[in-house]
Amino acid sequence: MKSQAHKKLLVTGGAGFIGSNFIRIALSKGYSVVVLDAFTYAGHPENLEELKNHPQFSLIIGNICDPKVVAQALEQQQVDAVLNFAAESHVDRSISGPSQFIETNILGTFNLLNCSLDYWKLLQEQRKHHFRYLQVSTDEVYGSLGMTGFFSEKTPYAPNSPYSASKAAADHLVRAWHHTYGLPTLTTNCSNNYGPYQFPEKLIPTMITCALASRPLPVYGDGKNVRDWIHVEDHCCGILLALEMGTPGATYCFGGNAERNNLDVVKSICKTLDRLKPRADGKPHESAIQFVADRLGHDRRYAIDDQLAQTELGFTRKYQLEKGLENTIQWYLNHFEWSQAVLKKA
């Protein structure tokens, strides 16, 4: 794919955290965007409110597991690419209720691939050549790292939770649809995202919203689990690069080059809030940290080597973690009512 200005994208799960951030970037680059979203607990109309009158934006309410809905969206909208952001993504929820993860992440991806293949086969040759199906995945499909080493595109899959197993299955389906049927697919695997519009159940927004509501700050286990953090804007720019320049059938990893253990991330959030929004009782926010029982099967460390994306796609990062955290905290300070509204739907 070369310049894709004014080309049309079907973005599934576009009302979610990463999807809604991606849409803003894509629209700013001149793409037309059609969102297909079922508005589950993590997908919110509020995330798209400011975009509803954009001339190159449209919304379809529907589920990726419904073949009629997907086929109709493809045919009527005549899109040039499908980007699948739609996913159940919270590990804790996958442990307590895995069935929804199997349905959305595996069967939903299967349906999208089948419908995309049928649509792609009927395109005229030039449009067929440029069409792409892009699957947005996670580094959790690779399992857990020791104290050294990095995940890369060559790392064997070893998922350890129902969530990561469902995403791994979806990735394998995408690979199979490319190698068996020739569908021009791309897969991206990323490290932990953070930034605006993230549903307040993941670590960083949980800590921010709990602190702002004067609630305890729950930290799993000893807090020493290590994650590599990437700002959602950097990740979304990487996805767009993969769409525009990636080799069909390839996988690209995107990381933040920002490994931190969970406790250190929480303490950084507390220090920033001490400066931007002190507690009413004068105590440091860190005083509210409480260690809770560890998550079942909690992977100890993730880290990504994204050299391939840097060299082949020209991927770069705008945000260092400290800058990105302050940017995110300020966003939640300005959108506290948003976080409270979406939490009521959980």
Protein backbone atom coordinates (compact mmCIF):
# COMPACT_ATOMS: atom_id res chain seq x y z
CA MET A 1 0.00 0.00 0.00
CA LYS A 2 1.25 3.44 -0.88
CA SER A 3 -0.53 6.67 0.07
CA GLN A 4 -4.01 5.78 1.31
CA ALA A 5 -5.46 9.31 1.64
CA HIS A 6 -9.25 9.20 1.30
CA LYS A 7 -9.32 5.40 1.25
CA LYS A 8 -12.02 3.76 3.34
CA LEU A 9 -11.35 1.59 6.39
CA LEU A 10 -13.71 -0.72 8.27
CA VAL A 11 -12.62 -0.56 11.92
CA THR A 12 -14.22 -3.16 14.19
CA GLY A 13 -14.26 -2.37 17.89
CA GLY A 14 -13.77 1.29 17.05
CA ALA A 15 -15.60 2.50 20.15
CA GLY A 16 -13.03 0.86 22.41
CA PHE A 17 -9.81 2.27 23.82
CA ILE A 18 -7.26 1.54 21.09
CA GLY A 19 -9.79 1.59 18.27
CA SER A 20 -11.13 5.06 19.09
CA ASN A 21 -7.61 6.46 19.33
CA PHE A 22 -6.73 4.86 15.99
CA ILE A 23 -9.79 6.40 14.33
CA ARG A 24 -8.76 9.91 15.36
CA ILE A 25 -5.32 9.42 13.84
CA ALA A 26 -6.70 7.82 10.65
CA LEU A 27 -9.18 10.63 10.11
CA SER A 28 -6.42 13.20 10.61
CA LYS A 29 -4.45 11.43 7.85
CA GLY A 30 -7.32 11.71 5.35
CA TYR A 31 -8.83 8.22 5.62
CA SER A 32 -12.55 7.58 5.66
CA VAL A 33 -13.55 5.36 8.57
CA VAL A 34 -16.54 3.10 9.07
CA VAL A 35 -16.84 1.77 12.63
CA LEU A 36 -18.52 -1.53 13.40
CA ASP A 37 -19.07 -1.90 17.15
CA ALA A 38 -21.46 -3.82 19.38
CA PHE A 39 -21.04 -1.37 22.30
CA THR A 40 -20.18 -3.97 24.92
CA TYR A 41 -18.99 -2.85 28.36
CA ALA A 42 -15.63 -1.62 26.97
CA GLY A 43 -16.99 0.09 23.85
CA HIS A 44 -18.69 3.40 24.46
CA PRO A 45 -20.55 5.91 22.28
CA GLU A 46 -18.86 8.59 24.42
CA ASN A 47 -15.51 7.63 22.86
CA LEU A 48 -16.83 8.64 19.44
CA GLU A 49 -19.11 11.52 20.39
CA GLU A 50 -16.89 14.27 18.99
CA LEU A 51 -16.50 12.39 15.69
CA LYS A 52 -20.15 11.75 14.84
CA ASN A 53 -20.42 14.80 12.57
CA HIS A 54 -17.09 14.25 10.82
CA PRO A 55 -17.76 13.98 7.06
CA GLN A 56 -15.50 10.93 6.68
CA PHE A 57 -16.84 9.02 9.69
CA SER A 58 -19.78 6.65 9.94
CA LEU A 59 -20.99 4.13 12.51
CA ILE A 60 -22.65 0.73 12.24
CA ILE A 61 -23.91 -0.87 15.46
CA GLY A 62 -23.40 -4.61 15.17
CA ASN A 63 -21.45 -7.65 16.29
CA ILE A 64 -18.49 -9.13 14.42
CA CYS A 65 -19.92 -12.58 15.16
CA ASP A 66 -22.93 -11.85 12.92
CA PRO A 67 -22.03 -12.81 9.33
CA LYS A 68 -24.94 -10.88 7.83
CA VAL A 69 -23.93 -7.67 9.56
CA VAL A 70 -20.28 -8.01 8.53
CA ALA A 71 -21.01 -9.01 4.93
CA GLN A 72 -23.48 -6.16 4.54
CA ALA A 73 -21.01 -3.63 5.97
CA LEU A 74 -18.30 -4.74 3.55
CA GLU A 75 -20.55 -4.75 0.52
CA GLN A 76 -22.41 -1.51 1.19
CA GLN A 77 -19.39 0.50 2.36
CA GLN A 78 -16.94 -0.85 -0.25
CA VAL A 79 -13.99 -0.57 2.12
CA ASP A 80 -10.33 -0.93 1.17
CA ALA A 81 -9.19 -2.54 4.43
CA VAL A 82 -10.54 -4.24 7.55
CA LEU A 83 -8.83 -3.57 10.88
CA ASN A 84 -9.98 -5.80 13.73
CA PHE A 85 -9.70 -4.07 17.10
CA ALA A 86 -12.78 -5.84 18.46
CA ALA A 87 -11.85 -8.07 21.38
CA GLU A 88 -12.59 -9.03 24.93
CA SER A 89 -9.29 -8.03 26.52
CA HIS A 90 -9.25 -8.13 30.32
CA VAL A 91 -7.39 -11.10 31.78
CA ASP A 92 -9.37 -11.14 35.04
CA ARG A 93 -12.66 -11.30 33.15
CA SER A 94 -11.31 -14.13 30.99
CA ILE A 95 -10.48 -16.15 34.11
CA SER A 96 -13.92 -15.74 35.68
CA GLY A 97 -15.88 -16.01 32.42
CA PRO A 98 -13.93 -17.34 29.42
CA SER A 99 -16.86 -18.15 27.12
CA GLN A 100 -17.30 -14.57 25.87
CA PHE A 101 -13.60 -14.45 25.00
CA ILE A 102 -13.91 -17.60 22.91
CA GLU A 103 -16.96 -16.22 21.11
CA THR A 104 -15.66 -12.72 20.33
CA ASN A 105 -11.93 -13.27 19.94
CA ILE A 106 -11.99 -16.59 18.10
CA LEU A 107 -15.39 -17.00 16.45
CA GLY A 108 -15.64 -13.27 15.74
CA THR A 109 -12.26 -13.28 14.03
CA PHE A 110 -13.21 -16.40 12.08
CA ASN A 111 -16.37 -14.67 10.85
CA LEU A 112 -14.49 -11.49 9.89
CA LEU A 113 -11.94 -13.51 7.95
CA ASN A 114 -14.58 -15.51 6.09
CA CYS A 115 -16.59 -12.44 5.17
CA SER A 116 -13.45 -10.51 4.21
CA LEU A 117 -12.32 -13.37 1.99
CA ASP A 118 -15.67 -13.53 0.18
CA TYR A 119 -15.61 -9.76 -0.31
CA TRP A 120 -11.96 -9.69 -1.43
CA LYS A 121 -12.49 -12.38 -4.07
CA LEU A 122 -15.05 -10.21 -5.87
CA LEU A 123 -12.99 -7.01 -5.97
CA GLN A 124 -11.55 -5.72 -9.22
CA GLU A 125 -7.90 -6.60 -9.63
CA GLN A 126 -6.38 -3.28 -8.57
CA ARG A 127 -8.54 -2.97 -5.47
CA LYS A 128 -7.94 -6.63 -4.72
CA HIS A 129 -4.19 -6.03 -4.82
CA HIS A 130 -4.37 -3.15 -2.32
CA PHE A 131 -6.93 -4.67 0.08
CA ARG A 132 -5.70 -5.60 3.58
CA TYR A 133 -7.07 -7.40 6.61
CA LEU A 134 -5.19 -6.31 9.77
CA GLN A 135 -5.51 -8.18 13.08
CA VAL A 136 -4.61 -6.22 16.21
CA SER A 137 -3.16 -8.66 18.74
CA THR A 138 -1.10 -8.62 21.94
CA ASP A 139 2.27 -9.64 23.33
CA GLU A 140 0.46 -11.86 25.83
CA VAL A 141 0.20 -14.59 23.18
CA TYR A 142 3.93 -15.21 23.73
CA GLY A 143 3.57 -16.13 27.40
CA SER A 144 5.94 -14.99 30.13
CA LEU A 145 9.59 -13.93 29.87
CA GLY A 146 12.33 -14.56 32.40
CA MET A 147 14.51 -11.76 33.68
CA THR A 148 16.19 -11.34 30.28
CA GLY A 149 15.20 -11.50 26.61
CA PHE A 150 12.49 -9.98 24.46
CA PHE A 151 9.49 -11.07 22.45
CA SER A 152 9.77 -10.67 18.69
CA GLU A 153 7.96 -11.77 15.55
CA LYS A 154 9.85 -15.10 15.80
CA THR A 155 8.88 -15.92 19.40
CA PRO A 156 6.86 -19.15 19.72
CA TYR A 157 3.34 -18.76 21.06
CA ALA A 158 2.79 -19.85 24.68
CA PRO A 159 -0.41 -18.20 26.01
CA ASN A 160 -1.12 -18.63 29.71
CA SER A 161 -4.61 -17.17 30.25
CA PRO A 162 -7.97 -17.74 28.55
CA TYR A 163 -7.63 -14.21 27.13
CA SER A 164 -4.19 -14.73 25.61
CA ALA A 165 -5.16 -18.21 24.38
CA SER A 166 -8.17 -16.75 22.55
CA LYS A 167 -5.99 -14.05 20.95
CA ALA A 168 -3.38 -16.64 19.96
CA ALA A 169 -6.08 -18.73 18.30
CA ALA A 170 -7.25 -15.69 16.36
CA ASP A 171 -3.69 -14.95 15.20
CA HIS A 172 -3.35 -18.51 13.94
CA LEU A 173 -6.59 -18.19 11.99
CA VAL A 174 -5.33 -15.00 10.36
CA ARG A 175 -2.11 -16.74 9.35
CA ALA A 176 -4.06 -19.69 7.95
CA TRP A 177 -6.41 -17.51 5.88
CA HIS A 178 -3.37 -15.88 4.28
CA HIS A 179 -1.43 -19.05 3.59
CA THR A 180 -4.41 -21.17 2.55
CA TYR A 181 -6.62 -18.70 0.70
CA GLY A 182 -4.22 -15.88 -0.16
CA LEU A 183 -6.12 -13.21 1.79
CA PRO A 184 -3.63 -10.31 2.25
CA THR A 185 -3.45 -10.20 6.03
CA LEU A 186 -1.29 -8.42 8.59
CA THR A 187 -0.94 -9.08 12.31
CA THR A 188 0.38 -6.66 14.91
CA ASN A 189 1.40 -7.60 18.45
CA CYS A 190 1.96 -4.85 20.99
CA SER A 191 3.03 -4.35 24.58
CA ASN A 192 0.77 -2.83 27.26
CA ASN A 193 -1.06 0.26 26.01
CA TYR A 194 -2.00 3.28 28.08
CA GLY A 195 -3.46 6.68 27.29
CA PRO A 196 -6.79 8.51 26.82
CA TYR A 197 -10.11 6.64 26.70
CA GLN A 198 -8.82 3.45 28.36
CA PHE A 199 -11.54 1.61 30.25
CA PRO A 200 -10.89 1.97 34.01
CA GLU A 201 -10.16 -1.67 34.74
CA LYS A 202 -6.57 -1.83 33.46
CA LEU A 203 -3.69 -0.89 35.78
CA ILE A 204 -3.00 2.74 34.88
CA PRO A 205 -6.59 4.06 34.57
CA THR A 206 -7.61 2.02 37.62
CA MET A 207 -4.96 3.69 39.74
CA ILE A 208 -5.80 7.16 38.44
CA THR A 209 -9.55 6.84 38.90
CA CYS A 210 -9.23 5.19 42.32
CA ALA A 211 -6.87 7.93 43.49
CA LEU A 212 -9.20 10.66 42.25
CA ALA A 213 -12.10 8.99 44.07
CA SER A 214 -10.05 8.58 47.30
CA ARG A 215 -10.25 4.79 47.13
CA PRO A 216 -7.48 2.26 47.88
CA LEU A 217 -4.98 1.54 45.09
CA PRO A 218 -4.99 -2.27 44.68
CA VAL A 219 -1.69 -3.81 43.52
CA TYR A 220 -1.51 -7.51 42.66
CA GLY A 221 0.93 -9.72 44.56
CA ASP A 222 4.25 -8.07 45.29
CA GLY A 223 3.86 -5.56 42.45
CA LYS A 224 7.05 -6.76 40.78
CA ASN A 225 5.47 -8.04 37.55
CA VAL A 226 7.20 -6.22 34.70
CA ARG A 227 5.50 -4.79 31.63
CA ASP A 228 6.70 -2.80 28.63
CA TRP A 229 4.45 0.26 28.25
CA ILE A 230 3.56 1.92 24.94
CA HIS A 231 1.43 5.04 24.59
CA VAL A 232 -1.69 4.27 22.56
CA GLU A 233 -0.89 7.05 20.09
CA ASP A 234 2.50 5.50 19.29
CA HIS A 235 0.88 2.09 18.91
CA CYS A 236 -1.83 3.40 16.59
CA CYS A 237 0.74 5.17 14.41
CA GLY A 238 2.55 1.83 14.17
CA ILE A 239 -0.63 0.08 13.08
CA LEU A 240 -1.15 2.66 10.36
CA LEU A 241 2.44 2.13 9.17
CA ALA A 242 1.83 -1.63 9.03
CA LEU A 243 -1.34 -1.07 7.01
CA GLU A 244 0.38 1.26 4.56
CA MET A 245 3.74 -0.46 4.20
CA GLY A 246 3.56 -3.96 5.68
CA THR A 247 4.18 -7.13 3.69
CA PRO A 248 1.05 -9.29 3.32
CA GLY A 249 1.25 -12.29 5.61
CA ALA A 250 3.70 -10.58 7.96
CA THR A 251 3.59 -9.88 11.69
CA TYR A 252 4.93 -6.69 13.28
CA CYS A 253 5.64 -6.12 16.97
CA PHE A 254 5.34 -2.70 18.61
CA GLY A 255 6.81 -1.91 22.02
CA GLY A 256 7.37 1.15 24.14
CA ASN A 257 10.99 0.53 25.19
CA ALA A 258 9.73 1.30 28.71
CA GLU A 259 9.95 -1.70 31.03
CA ARG A 260 8.68 -1.00 34.54
CA ASN A 261 7.32 -3.18 37.30
CA ASN A 262 3.73 -2.51 38.29
CA LEU A 263 4.58 -1.05 41.69
CA ASP A 264 6.96 1.49 40.19
CA VAL A 265 4.29 2.54 37.67
CA VAL A 266 1.79 3.03 40.49
CA LYS A 267 4.29 5.06 42.51
CA SER A 268 5.01 7.25 39.46
CA ILE A 269 1.28 7.90 39.06
CA CYS A 270 1.05 8.79 42.76
CA LYS A 271 3.93 11.25 42.58
CA THR A 272 2.43 12.99 39.56
CA LEU A 273 -0.98 13.20 41.25
CA ASP A 274 0.65 14.60 44.39
CA ARG A 275 1.72 17.50 42.20
CA LEU A 276 -1.36 17.86 39.98
CA LYS A 277 -4.17 16.80 42.34
CA PRO A 278 -3.12 16.46 46.02
CA ARG A 279 -5.29 14.47 48.42
CA ALA A 280 -7.67 16.48 50.56
CA ASP A 281 -6.16 15.00 53.75
CA GLY A 282 -2.66 16.08 52.78
CA LYS A 283 -1.29 12.54 52.69
CA PRO A 284 0.70 11.33 49.66
CA HIS A 285 -1.33 9.27 47.20
CA GLU A 286 1.15 6.44 47.73
CA SER A 287 -0.29 5.93 51.22
CA ALA A 288 -3.40 4.42 49.60
CA ILE A 289 -1.49 1.52 47.98
CA GLN A 290 -2.81 -1.87 49.13
CA PHE A 291 -1.37 -5.22 48.06
CA VAL A 292 -4.05 -7.76 47.12
CA ALA A 293 -4.06 -11.46 46.24
CA ASP A 294 -2.20 -12.07 42.99
CA ARG A 295 -4.01 -12.83 39.74
CA LEU A 296 -4.17 -16.53 38.81
CA GLY A 297 -1.37 -17.44 36.39
CA HIS A 298 0.02 -13.89 36.45
CA ASP A 299 2.80 -13.64 33.84
CA ARG A 300 5.95 -12.23 35.39
CA ARG A 301 7.46 -10.18 32.60
CA TYR A 302 6.73 -8.97 29.06
CA ALA A 303 9.07 -7.00 26.80
CA ILE A 304 9.13 -6.45 23.04
CA ASP A 305 11.88 -6.12 20.45
CA ASP A 306 10.38 -3.99 17.67
CA GLN A 307 13.47 -3.65 15.48
CA LEU A 308 11.65 -5.13 12.50
CA ALA A 309 8.96 -2.45 12.67
CA GLN A 310 11.60 0.23 13.00
CA THR A 311 13.70 -0.92 10.05
CA GLU A 312 10.95 -2.10 7.68
CA LEU A 313 8.19 0.38 8.51
CA GLY A 314 10.11 3.34 9.92
CA PHE A 315 8.33 3.03 13.29
CA THR A 316 9.34 5.58 15.94
CA ARG A 317 7.93 6.57 19.31
CA LYS A 318 6.77 10.04 20.34
CA TYR A 319 6.26 9.34 24.04
CA GLN A 320 8.69 8.39 26.79
CA LEU A 321 6.81 6.75 29.65
CA GLU A 322 7.14 9.65 32.08
CA LYS A 323 5.81 12.13 29.52
CA GLY A 324 3.08 9.74 28.45
CA LEU A 325 1.96 9.08 32.03
CA GLU A 326 1.64 12.77 32.79
CA ASN A 327 -0.27 13.28 29.53
CA THR A 328 -2.62 10.42 30.49
CA ILE A 329 -3.15 11.58 34.07
CA GLN A 330 -3.96 15.09 32.86
CA TRP A 331 -6.49 13.65 30.40
CA TYR A 332 -8.25 11.74 33.20
CA LEU A 333 -8.25 14.85 35.38
CA ASN A 334 -10.02 16.65 32.54
CA HIS A 335 -12.39 13.74 31.88
CA PHE A 336 -13.22 12.42 35.36
CA GLU A 337 -16.96 12.41 34.57
CA TRP A 338 -16.24 10.22 31.51
CA SER A 339 -14.50 7.61 33.63
CA GLN A 340 -17.33 7.55 36.18
CA ALA A 341 -19.96 7.23 33.44
CA VAL A 342 -18.30 4.27 31.73
CA LEU A 343 -17.60 2.52 35.05
CA LYS A 344 -21.35 2.42 35.71
CA LYS A 345 -21.72 0.21 32.63
CA ALA A 346 -19.14 -2.35 33.75
